[in-house]
Amino acid sequence: MSEARYRIEITRRAQKDIETLTPKLKKKLRDILVNRIALTPYDGKKPVGDLEGKWSVRLTLKDRIVYSIDDNNSVIYILRARTHYE
């Protein structure tokens, strides 16, 4: 496994989303954060509308992880962890 190039920061709103997830989805979320987003954040999709400028990766059929990328500080901010483009 490669070493993460970005550090993950979880916002309060995303933390509230995570608290509602099942243990299985929490594990899946962690795997996506560590093995995908932290390594290759630009592989996500670019949402439109209110989320323009953000990135997203699918967590479930209806839920997505929404995040922003701070290249200057090598930080990924997880904004939502259970949403479908509200």
PDB file of N, CA and C in Angstrom:
ATOM      1  N   MET A   1       0.846  -1.184   0.000  1.00  0.00           N
ATOM      2  CA  MET A   1       0.000   0.000   0.000  1.00  0.00           C
ATOM      3  C   MET A   1       0.883   1.237   0.000  1.00  0.00           C
ATOM      4  N   SER A   2       0.530   2.213  -0.818  1.00  0.00           N
ATOM      5  CA  SER A   2       1.281   3.464  -0.903  1.00  0.00           C
ATOM      6  C   SER A   2       0.981   4.347   0.290  1.00  0.00           C
ATOM      7  N   GLU A   3       1.905   5.241   0.551  1.00  0.00           N
ATOM      8  CA  GLU A   3       1.686   6.182   1.639  1.00  0.00           C
ATOM      9  C   GLU A   3       0.810   7.329   1.149  1.00  0.00           C
ATOM     10  N   ALA A   4      -0.105   7.766   1.976  1.00  0.00           N
ATOM     11  CA  ALA A   4      -1.040   8.832   1.597  1.00  0.00           C
ATOM     12  C   ALA A   4      -0.279  10.107   1.272  1.00  0.00           C
ATOM     13  N   ARG A   5      -0.689  10.766   0.214  1.00  0.00           N
ATOM     14  CA  ARG A   5      -0.082  12.032  -0.159  1.00  0.00           C
ATOM     15  C   ARG A   5      -0.816  13.201   0.492  1.00  0.00           C
ATOM     16  N   TYR A   6      -2.055  12.955   0.892  1.00  0.00           N
ATOM     17  CA  TYR A   6      -2.876  14.004   1.501  1.00  0.00           C
ATOM     18  C   TYR A   6      -3.334  13.559   2.886  1.00  0.00           C
ATOM     19  N   ARG A   7      -3.476  14.528   3.757  1.00  0.00           N
ATOM     20  CA  ARG A   7      -4.028  14.283   5.091  1.00  0.00           C
ATOM     21  C   ARG A   7      -5.539  14.507   5.001  1.00  0.00           C
ATOM     22  N   ILE A   8      -6.307  13.710   5.725  1.00  0.00           N
ATOM     23  CA  ILE A   8      -7.772  13.807   5.706  1.00  0.00           C
ATOM     24  C   ILE A   8      -8.248  14.571   6.937  1.00  0.00           C
ATOM     25  N   GLU A   9      -9.073  15.591   6.721  1.00  0.00           N
ATOM     26  CA  GLU A   9      -9.726  16.338   7.797  1.00  0.00           C
ATOM     27  C   GLU A   9     -11.235  16.171   7.615  1.00  0.00           C
ATOM     28  N   ILE A  10     -11.931  15.822   8.677  1.00  0.00           N
ATOM     29  CA  ILE A  10     -13.379  15.603   8.604  1.00  0.00           C
ATOM     30  C   ILE A  10     -14.095  16.752   9.298  1.00  0.00           C
ATOM     31  N   THR A  11     -14.992  17.414   8.578  1.00  0.00           N
ATOM     32  CA  THR A  11     -15.740  18.536   9.145  1.00  0.00           C
ATOM     33  C   THR A  11     -16.781  18.029  10.133  1.00  0.00           C
ATOM     34  N   ARG A  12     -17.314  18.922  10.947  1.00  0.00           N
ATOM     35  CA  ARG A  12     -18.357  18.537  11.911  1.00  0.00           C
ATOM     36  C   ARG A  12     -19.578  17.958  11.211  1.00  0.00           C
ATOM     37  N   ARG A  13     -19.961  18.575  10.119  1.00  0.00           N
ATOM     38  CA  ARG A  13     -21.136  18.094   9.388  1.00  0.00           C
ATOM     39  C   ARG A  13     -20.901  16.669   8.864  1.00  0.00           C
ATOM     40  N   ALA A  14     -19.715  16.418   8.329  1.00  0.00           N
ATOM     41  CA  ALA A  14     -19.390  15.071   7.847  1.00  0.00           C
ATOM     42  C   ALA A  14     -19.338  14.086   9.007  1.00  0.00           C
ATOM     43  N   GLN A  15     -18.831  14.526  10.153  1.00  0.00           N
ATOM     44  CA  GLN A  15     -18.769  13.645  11.324  1.00  0.00           C
ATOM     45  C   GLN A  15     -20.184  13.227  11.746  1.00  0.00           C
ATOM     46  N   LYS A  16     -21.138  14.150  11.676  1.00  0.00           N
ATOM     47  CA  LYS A  16     -22.526  13.813  11.997  1.00  0.00           C
ATOM     48  C   LYS A  16     -23.074  12.801  10.996  1.00  0.00           C
ATOM     49  N   ASP A  17     -22.708  12.957   9.730  1.00  0.00           N
ATOM     50  CA  ASP A  17     -23.119  11.982   8.717  1.00  0.00           C
ATOM     51  C   ASP A  17     -22.549  10.606   9.043  1.00  0.00           C
ATOM     52  N   ILE A  18     -21.280  10.567   9.404  1.00  0.00           N
ATOM     53  CA  ILE A  18     -20.594   9.303   9.689  1.00  0.00           C
ATOM     54  C   ILE A  18     -21.235   8.586  10.867  1.00  0.00           C
ATOM     55  N   GLU A  19     -21.653   9.337  11.872  1.00  0.00           N
ATOM     56  CA  GLU A  19     -22.275   8.740  13.054  1.00  0.00           C
ATOM     57  C   GLU A  19     -23.562   7.989  12.713  1.00  0.00           C
ATOM     58  N   THR A  20     -24.217   8.338  11.615  1.00  0.00           N
ATOM     59  CA  THR A  20     -25.465   7.671  11.230  1.00  0.00           C
ATOM     60  C   THR A  20     -25.227   6.428  10.374  1.00  0.00           C
ATOM     61  N   LEU A  21     -23.998   6.198   9.947  1.00  0.00           N
ATOM     62  CA  LEU A  21     -23.699   5.060   9.082  1.00  0.00           C
ATOM     63  C   LEU A  21     -23.638   3.752   9.869  1.00  0.00           C
ATOM     64  N   THR A  22     -23.920   2.664   9.184  1.00  0.00           N
ATOM     65  CA  THR A  22     -23.779   1.338   9.795  1.00  0.00           C
ATOM     66  C   THR A  22     -22.286   1.035   9.938  1.00  0.00           C
ATOM     67  N   PRO A  23     -21.920   0.088  10.809  1.00  0.00           N
ATOM     68  CA  PRO A  23     -20.503  -0.291  10.932  1.00  0.00           C
ATOM     69  C   PRO A  23     -19.890  -0.720   9.595  1.00  0.00           C
ATOM     70  N   LYS A  24     -20.658  -1.429   8.783  1.00  0.00           N
ATOM     71  CA  LYS A  24     -20.162  -1.871   7.477  1.00  0.00           C
ATOM     72  C   LYS A  24     -19.845  -0.667   6.579  1.00  0.00           C
ATOM     73  N   LEU A  25     -20.739   0.334   6.570  1.00  0.00           N
ATOM     74  CA  LEU A  25     -20.499   1.527   5.750  1.00  0.00           C
ATOM     75  C   LEU A  25     -19.372   2.384   6.312  1.00  0.00           C
ATOM     76  N   LYS A  26     -19.212   2.400   7.624  1.00  0.00           N
ATOM     77  CA  LYS A  26     -18.084   3.133   8.223  1.00  0.00           C
ATOM     78  C   LYS A  26     -16.763   2.526   7.762  1.00  0.00           C
ATOM     79  N   LYS A  27     -16.706   1.205   7.704  1.00  0.00           N
ATOM     80  CA  LYS A  27     -15.492   0.529   7.237  1.00  0.00           C
ATOM     81  C   LYS A  27     -15.242   0.843   5.766  1.00  0.00           C
ATOM     82  N   LYS A  28     -16.297   0.804   4.967  1.00  0.00           N
ATOM     83  CA  LYS A  28     -16.176   1.114   3.545  1.00  0.00           C
ATOM     84  C   LYS A  28     -15.705   2.559   3.362  1.00  0.00           C
ATOM     85  N   LEU A  29     -16.266   3.471   4.142  1.00  0.00           N
ATOM     86  CA  LEU A  29     -15.869   4.874   4.082  1.00  0.00           C
ATOM     87  C   LEU A  29     -14.382   5.022   4.395  1.00  0.00           C
ATOM     88  N   ARG A  30     -13.943   4.373   5.462  1.00  0.00           N
ATOM     89  CA  ARG A  30     -12.535   4.459   5.851  1.00  0.00           C
ATOM     90  C   ARG A  30     -11.632   3.933   4.733  1.00  0.00           C
ATOM     91  N   ASP A  31     -12.000   2.804   4.148  1.00  0.00           N
ATOM     92  CA  ASP A  31     -11.215   2.241   3.049  1.00  0.00           C
ATOM     93  C   ASP A  31     -11.126   3.212   1.874  1.00  0.00           C
ATOM     94  N   ILE A  32     -12.242   3.842   1.526  1.00  0.00           N
ATOM     95  CA  ILE A  32     -12.253   4.807   0.416  1.00  0.00           C
ATOM     96  C   ILE A  32     -11.372   6.014   0.753  1.00  0.00           C
ATOM     97  N   LEU A  33     -11.479   6.517   1.983  1.00  0.00           N
ATOM     98  CA  LEU A  33     -10.684   7.680   2.376  1.00  0.00           C
ATOM     99  C   LEU A  33      -9.190   7.379   2.328  1.00  0.00           C
ATOM    100  N   VAL A  34      -8.794   6.250   2.895  1.00  0.00           N
ATOM    101  CA  VAL A  34      -7.371   5.915   3.021  1.00  0.00           C
ATOM    102  C   VAL A  34      -6.770   5.418   1.709  1.00  0.00           C
ATOM    103  N   ASN A  35      -7.492   4.556   1.009  1.00  0.00           N
ATOM    104  CA  ASN A  35      -6.918   3.890  -0.158  1.00  0.00           C
ATOM    105  C   ASN A  35      -7.242   4.541  -1.495  1.00  0.00           C
ATOM    106  N   ARG A  36      -8.120   5.518  -1.483  1.00  0.00           N
ATOM    107  CA  ARG A  36      -8.474   6.158  -2.750  1.00  0.00           C
ATOM    108  C   ARG A  36      -8.331   7.674  -2.689  1.00  0.00           C
ATOM    109  N   ILE A  37      -9.135   8.309  -1.830  1.00  0.00           N
ATOM    110  CA  ILE A  37      -9.150   9.770  -1.816  1.00  0.00           C
ATOM    111  C   ILE A  37      -7.814  10.356  -1.365  1.00  0.00           C
ATOM    112  N   ALA A  38      -7.205   9.819  -0.318  1.00  0.00           N
ATOM    113  CA  ALA A  38      -5.935  10.359   0.179  1.00  0.00           C
ATOM    114  C   ALA A  38      -4.799  10.163  -0.825  1.00  0.00           C
ATOM    115  N   LEU A  39      -4.917   9.157  -1.677  1.00  0.00           N
ATOM    116  CA  LEU A  39      -3.871   8.872  -2.660  1.00  0.00           C
ATOM    117  C   LEU A  39      -4.102   9.582  -3.989  1.00  0.00           C
ATOM    118  N   THR A  40      -5.334   9.545  -4.482  1.00  0.00           N
ATOM    119  CA  THR A  40      -5.642  10.124  -5.796  1.00  0.00           C
ATOM    120  C   THR A  40      -6.956  10.905  -5.736  1.00  0.00           C
ATOM    121  N   PRO A  41      -6.967  12.044  -5.071  1.00  0.00           N
ATOM    122  CA  PRO A  41      -8.222  12.780  -4.870  1.00  0.00           C
ATOM    123  C   PRO A  41      -8.866  13.292  -6.152  1.00  0.00           C
ATOM    124  N   TYR A  42      -8.071  13.497  -7.199  1.00  0.00           N
ATOM    125  CA  TYR A  42      -8.639  14.031  -8.433  1.00  0.00           C
ATOM    126  C   TYR A  42      -9.300  12.962  -9.297  1.00  0.00           C
ATOM    127  N   ASP A  43      -9.350  11.716  -8.810  1.00  0.00           N
ATOM    128  CA  ASP A  43     -10.062  10.656  -9.517  1.00  0.00           C
ATOM    129  C   ASP A  43     -11.559  10.698  -9.242  1.00  0.00           C
ATOM    130  N   GLY A  44     -11.997  11.528  -8.298  1.00  0.00           N
ATOM    131  CA  GLY A  44     -13.415  11.662  -7.992  1.00  0.00           C
ATOM    132  C   GLY A  44     -14.141  12.408  -9.098  1.00  0.00           C
ATOM    133  N   LYS A  45     -15.435  12.538  -8.944  1.00  0.00           N
ATOM    134  CA  LYS A  45     -16.248  13.279  -9.917  1.00  0.00           C
ATOM    135  C   LYS A  45     -16.408  14.718  -9.460  1.00  0.00           C
ATOM    136  N   LYS A  46     -16.636  15.623 -10.426  1.00  0.00           N
ATOM    137  CA  LYS A  46     -16.840  17.030 -10.135  1.00  0.00           C
ATOM    138  C   LYS A  46     -18.333  17.341 -10.191  1.00  0.00           C
ATOM    139  N   PRO A  47     -18.969  17.523  -9.029  1.00  0.00           N
ATOM    140  CA  PRO A  47     -20.399  17.852  -9.038  1.00  0.00           C
ATOM    141  C   PRO A  47     -20.652  19.247  -9.611  1.00  0.00           C
ATOM    142  N   VAL A  48     -21.887  19.510  -9.953  1.00  0.00           N
ATOM    143  CA  VAL A  48     -22.279  20.819 -10.472  1.00  0.00           C
ATOM    144  C   VAL A  48     -23.243  21.478  -9.491  1.00  0.00           C
ATOM    145  N   GLY A  49     -23.656  22.683  -9.804  1.00  0.00           N
ATOM    146  CA  GLY A  49     -24.612  23.395  -8.949  1.00  0.00           C
ATOM    147  C   GLY A  49     -23.947  23.919  -7.693  1.00  0.00           C
ATOM    148  N   ASP A  50     -24.620  23.729  -6.544  1.00  0.00           N
ATOM    149  CA  ASP A  50     -24.123  24.234  -5.269  1.00  0.00           C
ATOM    150  C   ASP A  50     -22.778  23.632  -4.880  1.00  0.00           C
ATOM    151  N   LEU A  51     -22.469  22.456  -5.394  1.00  0.00           N
ATOM    152  CA  LEU A  51     -21.230  21.762  -5.026  1.00  0.00           C
ATOM    153  C   LEU A  51     -20.117  21.954  -6.058  1.00  0.00           C
ATOM    154  N   GLU A  52     -20.314  22.876  -6.980  1.00  0.00           N
ATOM    155  CA  GLU A  52     -19.285  23.135  -7.988  1.00  0.00           C
ATOM    156  C   GLU A  52     -17.984  23.533  -7.295  1.00  0.00           C
ATOM    157  N   GLY A  53     -16.874  23.003  -7.759  1.00  0.00           N
ATOM    158  CA  GLY A  53     -15.584  23.265  -7.147  1.00  0.00           C
ATOM    159  C   GLY A  53     -15.199  22.226  -6.112  1.00  0.00           C
ATOM    160  N   LYS A  54     -16.128  21.338  -5.795  1.00  0.00           N
ATOM    161  CA  LYS A  54     -15.883  20.241  -4.858  1.00  0.00           C
ATOM    162  C   LYS A  54     -15.681  18.961  -5.660  1.00  0.00           C
ATOM    163  N   TRP A  55     -15.436  17.870  -4.970  1.00  0.00           N
ATOM    164  CA  TRP A  55     -15.253  16.557  -5.582  1.00  0.00           C
ATOM    165  C   TRP A  55     -16.129  15.550  -4.848  1.00  0.00           C
ATOM    166  N   SER A  56     -16.447  14.435  -5.501  1.00  0.00           N
ATOM    167  CA  SER A  56     -17.250  13.420  -4.831  1.00  0.00           C
ATOM    168  C   SER A  56     -16.871  12.018  -5.293  1.00  0.00           C
ATOM    169  N   VAL A  57     -17.105  11.074  -4.391  1.00  0.00           N
ATOM    170  CA  VAL A  57     -16.899   9.648  -4.657  1.00  0.00           C
ATOM    171  C   VAL A  57     -18.118   8.924  -4.101  1.00  0.00           C
ATOM    172  N   ARG A  58     -18.589   7.927  -4.823  1.00  0.00           N
ATOM    173  CA  ARG A  58     -19.771   7.181  -4.404  1.00  0.00           C
ATOM    174  C   ARG A  58     -19.466   6.312  -3.182  1.00  0.00           C
ATOM    175  N   LEU A  59     -20.357   6.389  -2.169  1.00  0.00           N
ATOM    176  CA  LEU A  59     -20.277   5.525  -0.989  1.00  0.00           C
ATOM    177  C   LEU A  59     -21.286   4.387  -1.118  1.00  0.00           C
ATOM    178  N   THR A  60     -22.528   4.735  -1.478  1.00  0.00           N
ATOM    179  CA  THR A  60     -23.577   3.750  -1.752  1.00  0.00           C
ATOM    180  C   THR A  60     -24.275   4.188  -3.026  1.00  0.00           C
ATOM    181  N   LEU A  61     -25.295   3.454  -3.398  1.00  0.00           N
ATOM    182  CA  LEU A  61     -26.031   3.811  -4.609  1.00  0.00           C
ATOM    183  C   LEU A  61     -26.565   5.242  -4.539  1.00  0.00           C
ATOM    184  N   LYS A  62     -27.020   5.664  -3.349  1.00  0.00           N
ATOM    185  CA  LYS A  62     -27.583   7.014  -3.230  1.00  0.00           C
ATOM    186  C   LYS A  62     -26.686   7.999  -2.494  1.00  0.00           C
ATOM    187  N   ASP A  63     -25.671   7.529  -1.801  1.00  0.00           N
ATOM    188  CA  ASP A  63     -24.836   8.425  -0.992  1.00  0.00           C
ATOM    189  C   ASP A  63     -23.455   8.621  -1.596  1.00  0.00           C
ATOM    190  N   ARG A  64     -22.971   9.836  -1.437  1.00  0.00           N
ATOM    191  CA  ARG A  64     -21.632  10.177  -1.920  1.00  0.00           C
ATOM    192  C   ARG A  64     -20.830  10.859  -0.817  1.00  0.00           C
ATOM    193  N   ILE A  65     -19.534  10.723  -0.916  1.00  0.00           N
ATOM    194  CA  ILE A  65     -18.598  11.448  -0.051  1.00  0.00           C
ATOM    195  C   ILE A  65     -18.244  12.711  -0.812  1.00  0.00           C
ATOM    196  N   VAL A  66     -18.489  13.868  -0.228  1.00  0.00           N
ATOM    197  CA  VAL A  66     -18.192  15.142  -0.877  1.00  0.00           C
ATOM    198  C   VAL A  66     -17.002  15.764  -0.159  1.00  0.00           C
ATOM    199  N   TYR A  67     -16.015  16.231  -0.926  1.00  0.00           N
ATOM    200  CA  TYR A  67     -14.801  16.759  -0.321  1.00  0.00           C
ATOM    201  C   TYR A  67     -14.207  17.891  -1.153  1.00  0.00           C
ATOM    202  N   SER A  68     -13.343  18.655  -0.509  1.00  0.00           N
ATOM    203  CA  SER A  68     -12.573  19.685  -1.199  1.00  0.00           C
ATOM    204  C   SER A  68     -11.094  19.366  -1.015  1.00  0.00           C
ATOM    205  N   ILE A  69     -10.286  19.896  -1.912  1.00  0.00           N
ATOM    206  CA  ILE A  69      -8.860  19.598  -1.923  1.00  0.00           C
ATOM    207  C   ILE A  69      -8.075  20.889  -1.699  1.00  0.00           C
ATOM    208  N   ASP A  70      -7.162  20.854  -0.733  1.00  0.00           N
ATOM    209  CA  ASP A  70      -6.256  21.974  -0.472  1.00  0.00           C
ATOM    210  C   ASP A  70      -4.848  21.506  -0.827  1.00  0.00           C
ATOM    211  N   ASP A  71      -4.448  21.766  -2.070  1.00  0.00           N
ATOM    212  CA  ASP A  71      -3.136  21.311  -2.539  1.00  0.00           C
ATOM    213  C   ASP A  71      -1.985  21.989  -1.809  1.00  0.00           C
ATOM    214  N   ASN A  72      -2.167  23.251  -1.441  1.00  0.00           N
ATOM    215  CA  ASN A  72      -1.081  23.989  -0.776  1.00  0.00           C
ATOM    216  C   ASN A  72      -0.669  23.337   0.537  1.00  0.00           C
ATOM    217  N   ASN A  73      -1.632  22.781   1.267  1.00  0.00           N
ATOM    218  CA  ASN A  73      -1.352  22.166   2.566  1.00  0.00           C
ATOM    219  C   ASN A  73      -1.466  20.641   2.530  1.00  0.00           C
ATOM    220  N   SER A  74      -1.725  20.080   1.357  1.00  0.00           N
ATOM    221  CA  SER A  74      -1.898  18.631   1.185  1.00  0.00           C
ATOM    222  C   SER A  74      -2.963  18.069   2.122  1.00  0.00           C
ATOM    223  N   VAL A  75      -4.128  18.743   2.116  1.00  0.00           N
ATOM    224  CA  VAL A  75      -5.230  18.334   2.988  1.00  0.00           C
ATOM    225  C   VAL A  75      -6.488  18.123   2.147  1.00  0.00           C
ATOM    226  N   ILE A  76      -7.214  17.064   2.472  1.00  0.00           N
ATOM    227  CA  ILE A  76      -8.536  16.805   1.908  1.00  0.00           C
ATOM    228  C   ILE A  76      -9.538  17.072   3.018  1.00  0.00           C
ATOM    229  N   TYR A  77     -10.510  17.953   2.769  1.00  0.00           N
ATOM    230  CA  TYR A  77     -11.565  18.241   3.740  1.00  0.00           C
ATOM    231  C   TYR A  77     -12.809  17.457   3.347  1.00  0.00           C
ATOM    232  N   ILE A  78     -13.213  16.526   4.198  1.00  0.00           N
ATOM    233  CA  ILE A  78     -14.430  15.762   3.951  1.00  0.00           C
ATOM    234  C   ILE A  78     -15.600  16.616   4.439  1.00  0.00           C
ATOM    235  N   LEU A  79     -16.464  17.012   3.505  1.00  0.00           N
ATOM    236  CA  LEU A  79     -17.560  17.933   3.811  1.00  0.00           C
ATOM    237  C   LEU A  79     -18.853  17.207   4.145  1.00  0.00           C
ATOM    238  N   ARG A  80     -19.121  16.125   3.434  1.00  0.00           N
ATOM    239  CA  ARG A  80     -20.313  15.303   3.664  1.00  0.00           C
ATOM    240  C   ARG A  80     -19.943  13.854   3.457  1.00  0.00           C
ATOM    241  N   ALA A  81     -20.616  12.976   4.154  1.00  0.00           N
ATOM    242  CA  ALA A  81     -20.327  11.558   3.992  1.00  0.00           C
ATOM    243  C   ALA A  81     -21.606  10.750   3.769  1.00  0.00           C
ATOM    244  N   ARG A  82     -22.699  11.452   3.594  1.00  0.00           N
ATOM    245  CA  ARG A  82     -23.960  10.739   3.365  1.00  0.00           C
ATOM    246  C   ARG A  82     -24.938  11.687   2.698  1.00  0.00           C
ATOM    247  N   THR A  83     -24.734  11.903   1.435  1.00  0.00           N
ATOM    248  CA  THR A  83     -25.580  12.843   0.728  1.00  0.00           C
ATOM    249  C   THR A  83     -25.627  12.504  -0.751  1.00  0.00           C
ATOM    250  N   HIS A  84     -26.695  12.891  -1.371  1.00  0.00           N
ATOM    251  CA  HIS A  84     -26.759  12.814  -2.813  1.00  0.00           C
ATOM    252  C   HIS A  84     -27.107  14.195  -3.331  1.00  0.00           C
ATOM    253  N   TYR A  85     -26.111  14.993  -3.496  1.00  0.00           N
ATOM    254  CA  TYR A  85     -26.240  16.342  -4.064  1.00  0.00           C
ATOM    255  C   TYR A  85     -27.522  17.036  -3.674  1.00  0.00           C
ATOM    256  N   GLU A  86     -27.614  17.414  -2.443  1.00  0.00           N
ATOM    257  CA  GLU A  86     -28.820  18.074  -1.943  1.00  0.00           C
ATOM    258  C   GLU A  86     -29.063  19.392  -2.628  1.00  0.00           C
TER     259      GLU A  86
END
